[in-house]
N, C-alpha and C. Protein backbone atom coordinates (compact mmCIF):
# COMPACT_ATOMS: atom_id res chain seq x y z
N MET A 1 75.42 95.25 116.38
CA MET A 1 76.73 95.99 115.81
C MET A 1 77.86 95.20 116.41
N THR A 2 78.83 94.75 115.66
CA THR A 2 80.08 94.12 116.27
C THR A 2 81.09 95.28 116.71
N GLN A 3 82.25 94.68 117.53
CA GLN A 3 83.19 95.87 117.83
C GLN A 3 83.82 96.19 116.69
N THR A 4 83.97 95.36 115.56
CA THR A 4 84.81 95.58 114.30
C THR A 4 83.90 96.85 113.52
N ASP A 5 82.50 96.79 113.64
CA ASP A 5 81.83 97.65 112.92
C ASP A 5 81.93 99.05 113.80
N ILE A 6 81.72 98.91 115.04
CA ILE A 6 82.05 100.20 115.83
C ILE A 6 83.38 100.83 115.63
N ILE A 7 84.32 100.05 115.52
CA ILE A 7 85.78 100.71 115.48
C ILE A 7 85.78 101.37 114.12
N LEU A 8 85.46 100.75 113.16
CA LEU A 8 85.34 101.34 111.67
C LEU A 8 84.53 102.57 111.68
N ASP A 9 83.38 102.51 112.37
CA ASP A 9 82.67 103.83 112.34
C ASP A 9 83.41 104.82 112.97
N LEU A 10 83.82 104.54 114.08
CA LEU A 10 84.80 105.51 114.89
C LEU A 10 85.99 106.09 114.00
N LEU A 11 86.48 105.14 113.41
CA LEU A 11 87.64 105.55 112.40
C LEU A 11 87.31 106.64 111.48
N ARG A 12 85.96 106.42 110.82
CA ARG A 12 85.45 107.17 109.84
C ARG A 12 85.02 108.47 110.37
N ARG A 13 84.53 108.57 111.61
CA ARG A 13 84.08 109.64 111.99
C ARG A 13 85.24 110.81 112.69
N GLN A 14 86.31 109.85 113.15
CA GLN A 14 87.67 110.69 113.63
C GLN A 14 88.29 111.34 112.75
N GLY A 15 88.28 110.94 111.49
CA GLY A 15 89.21 111.75 110.39
C GLY A 15 90.85 111.45 110.81
N GLU A 16 91.35 112.60 110.74
CA GLU A 16 93.02 112.76 110.74
C GLU A 16 93.30 112.43 112.36
N ASP A 17 92.33 112.84 113.39
CA ASP A 17 92.53 112.57 114.67
C ASP A 17 92.66 111.13 115.03
N GLY A 18 92.36 110.23 114.30
CA GLY A 18 92.57 108.82 114.45
C GLY A 18 91.81 108.26 115.82
N LEU A 19 92.21 107.11 115.97
CA LEU A 19 91.82 106.38 117.25
C LEU A 19 93.00 105.57 117.86
N THR A 20 92.91 106.02 119.23
CA THR A 20 93.91 105.20 119.97
C THR A 20 93.43 104.07 120.73
N PRO A 21 94.34 103.11 121.30
CA PRO A 21 93.71 102.08 122.10
C PRO A 21 92.92 102.39 123.34
N ARG A 22 93.26 103.63 123.96
CA ARG A 22 92.46 104.20 124.97
C ARG A 22 91.23 104.72 124.36
N ASP A 23 91.03 105.16 123.40
CA ASP A 23 89.55 105.59 122.73
C ASP A 23 89.03 104.36 122.57
N ALA A 24 89.40 103.47 122.02
CA ALA A 24 88.65 102.36 121.41
C ALA A 24 88.21 101.52 122.86
N LEU A 25 88.90 101.56 123.79
CA LEU A 25 88.44 101.04 125.22
C LEU A 25 87.20 101.72 125.82
N ASP A 26 87.42 103.17 125.72
CA ASP A 26 86.47 104.07 126.34
C ASP A 26 85.33 104.05 125.45
N ARG A 27 85.22 104.07 124.23
CA ARG A 27 84.06 104.17 123.17
C ARG A 27 83.35 103.17 122.84
N ALA A 28 84.21 101.79 122.69
CA ALA A 28 83.65 100.71 122.22
C ALA A 28 83.97 99.48 123.18
N GLY A 29 84.57 99.46 124.31
CA GLY A 29 84.84 98.36 125.00
C GLY A 29 85.80 97.55 124.52
N CYS A 30 86.79 97.98 123.65
CA CYS A 30 87.48 97.19 122.88
C CYS A 30 89.08 97.21 123.68
N MET A 31 89.27 95.91 124.00
CA MET A 31 90.73 96.02 124.72
C MET A 31 91.78 95.36 123.65
N ARG A 32 91.45 94.89 122.49
CA ARG A 32 92.24 94.56 121.67
C ARG A 32 92.32 95.25 120.02
N LEU A 33 92.63 96.47 120.13
CA LEU A 33 92.23 97.52 118.83
C LEU A 33 93.27 96.81 117.61
N ALA A 34 94.31 96.36 117.83
CA ALA A 34 95.17 95.90 116.79
C ALA A 34 94.52 94.83 116.18
N ALA A 35 93.91 93.89 116.70
CA ALA A 35 93.31 92.70 116.13
C ALA A 35 91.92 93.19 115.44
N ARG A 36 91.37 94.14 115.91
CA ARG A 36 90.17 94.70 115.32
C ARG A 36 90.59 95.55 113.94
N ILE A 37 91.78 96.25 114.11
CA ILE A 37 92.41 97.00 112.83
C ILE A 37 92.71 95.96 111.84
N SER A 38 93.27 94.82 112.41
CA SER A 38 93.41 93.67 111.29
C SER A 38 92.51 93.18 110.67
N ASP A 39 91.31 93.20 111.31
CA ASP A 39 89.94 92.60 110.75
C ASP A 39 89.51 93.53 109.75
N ILE A 40 89.47 94.81 110.17
CA ILE A 40 88.83 96.02 109.37
C ILE A 40 89.79 96.06 108.09
N LYS A 41 91.04 95.78 108.16
CA LYS A 41 91.89 95.99 106.70
C LYS A 41 91.53 94.95 105.85
N GLU A 42 91.09 93.99 105.99
CA GLU A 42 90.72 92.77 105.34
C GLU A 42 89.29 93.12 104.49
N LYS A 43 88.66 93.89 105.06
CA LYS A 43 87.19 94.18 104.63
C LYS A 43 87.20 95.64 103.94
N LEU A 44 88.27 96.47 103.93
CA LEU A 44 88.23 97.80 103.42
C LEU A 44 88.23 97.80 101.96
N PRO A 45 87.35 98.70 101.44
CA PRO A 45 87.26 98.86 99.95
C PRO A 45 88.89 99.21 99.28
N PRO A 46 89.05 99.32 98.08
CA PRO A 46 90.42 99.54 97.60
C PRO A 46 90.87 100.77 97.81
N ASP A 47 90.10 101.79 98.03
CA ASP A 47 90.15 103.37 97.99
C ASP A 47 90.39 103.78 99.28
N GLU A 48 90.41 102.72 100.48
CA GLU A 48 90.46 103.26 101.65
C GLU A 48 91.90 102.40 102.33
N THR A 49 92.49 102.98 103.21
CA THR A 49 93.62 102.35 103.88
C THR A 49 93.78 102.75 105.39
N ILE A 50 94.34 102.12 106.20
CA ILE A 50 94.56 102.42 107.65
C ILE A 50 95.96 102.74 107.79
N VAL A 51 96.32 103.83 108.50
CA VAL A 51 97.67 104.12 108.58
C VAL A 51 97.76 104.08 110.03
N THR A 52 99.02 103.52 110.44
CA THR A 52 99.44 103.50 111.91
C THR A 52 100.56 104.35 112.10
N LEU A 53 100.17 105.07 112.98
CA LEU A 53 101.07 106.37 113.40
C LEU A 53 101.59 106.13 114.78
N ARG A 54 102.75 106.71 115.19
CA ARG A 54 103.22 106.40 116.60
C ARG A 54 102.94 107.76 117.23
N ALA A 55 102.49 107.63 118.28
CA ALA A 55 102.12 109.02 119.27
C ALA A 55 102.91 108.71 120.65
N THR A 56 103.37 109.75 121.20
CA THR A 56 103.80 109.81 122.53
C THR A 56 103.09 110.69 123.44
N SER A 57 103.02 110.39 124.93
CA SER A 57 102.40 110.99 125.73
C SER A 57 102.92 110.63 127.04
N GLY A 58 103.58 111.71 127.82
CA GLY A 58 104.12 111.26 129.13
C GLY A 58 105.16 110.26 129.20
N GLY A 59 105.97 110.43 128.04
CA GLY A 59 107.10 109.34 127.74
C GLY A 59 106.57 107.95 127.38
N LYS A 60 105.41 107.85 127.26
CA LYS A 60 104.94 106.51 126.65
C LYS A 60 104.40 106.73 125.18
N THR A 61 104.88 105.42 124.42
CA THR A 61 104.59 105.46 123.00
C THR A 61 103.48 104.55 122.75
N TYR A 62 102.36 105.06 121.86
CA TYR A 62 101.49 104.10 121.69
C TYR A 62 101.03 104.33 120.15
N ALA A 63 100.09 103.45 119.78
CA ALA A 63 99.77 103.65 118.40
C ALA A 63 98.44 104.43 118.11
N ARG A 64 98.22 105.28 116.97
CA ARG A 64 97.12 105.78 116.49
C ARG A 64 96.86 105.45 115.13
N TYR A 65 95.60 105.04 115.03
CA TYR A 65 95.13 104.50 113.73
C TYR A 65 94.30 105.38 112.93
N VAL A 66 94.66 105.70 111.75
CA VAL A 66 93.84 106.66 111.01
C VAL A 66 93.51 106.08 109.72
N LEU A 67 92.00 106.48 109.44
CA LEU A 67 91.58 105.81 108.08
C LEU A 67 91.73 106.77 107.00
N ARG A 68 92.23 106.53 105.91
CA ARG A 68 92.61 107.59 104.88
C ARG A 68 92.28 107.24 103.43
N LYS A 69 91.78 107.84 102.78
CA LYS A 69 91.54 107.54 101.34
C LYS A 69 92.87 107.35 100.54
N ARG A 70 93.01 106.35 99.73
CA ARG A 70 94.16 106.37 98.83
C ARG A 70 94.13 107.18 97.67
N PRO A 71 95.23 107.80 97.32
CA PRO A 71 95.11 108.32 96.25
C PRO A 71 94.82 107.87 95.10
N ALA A 72 94.05 108.60 94.12
CA ALA A 72 93.71 107.81 92.81
C ALA A 72 95.03 107.54 92.04
N PRO A 73 94.96 106.43 91.29
CA PRO A 73 96.27 106.27 90.41
C PRO A 73 96.23 107.36 89.21
N VAL A 74 97.45 107.66 88.80
CA VAL A 74 97.59 108.58 87.70
C VAL A 74 97.80 107.84 86.50
N ILE A 75 96.91 108.02 85.57
CA ILE A 75 96.81 107.30 84.17
C ILE A 75 97.44 108.12 83.20
N ALA A 76 98.59 107.79 82.55
CA ALA A 76 99.09 108.49 81.61
C ALA A 76 98.01 108.53 80.25
N GLN A 77 98.25 109.86 79.70
CA GLN A 77 97.44 110.07 78.54
C GLN A 77 98.38 110.05 77.31
N GLU A 78 97.91 109.57 76.08
CA GLU A 78 98.79 109.62 74.94
C GLU A 78 98.19 110.95 74.35
N SER A 79 99.23 111.47 73.80
CA SER A 79 98.84 112.65 73.10
C SER A 79 98.40 112.43 71.69
N ILE A 80 97.23 112.86 71.17
CA ILE A 80 96.68 112.85 70.03
C ILE A 80 97.21 113.64 68.90
N TRP A 81 98.00 114.62 69.02
CA TRP A 81 98.67 115.64 68.12
C TRP A 81 99.91 115.03 67.65
């Protein structure tokens, strides 16, 4: 299993808690999370997307990545009456 596969699995399990670079280092040994996220974005199905959020702790700002389902498109229906 590659780091990219491990990161994707972690994103799917974390839900809205997301994944930080520190989480990726501790859980997957990944020091380049942004690069792995870029790889994952290329492979995702059309109904999923990765959102990058800014988080702050102790005066430091860092990224938090969250995997989300894209909303289904609304299709207008014609009236038959």
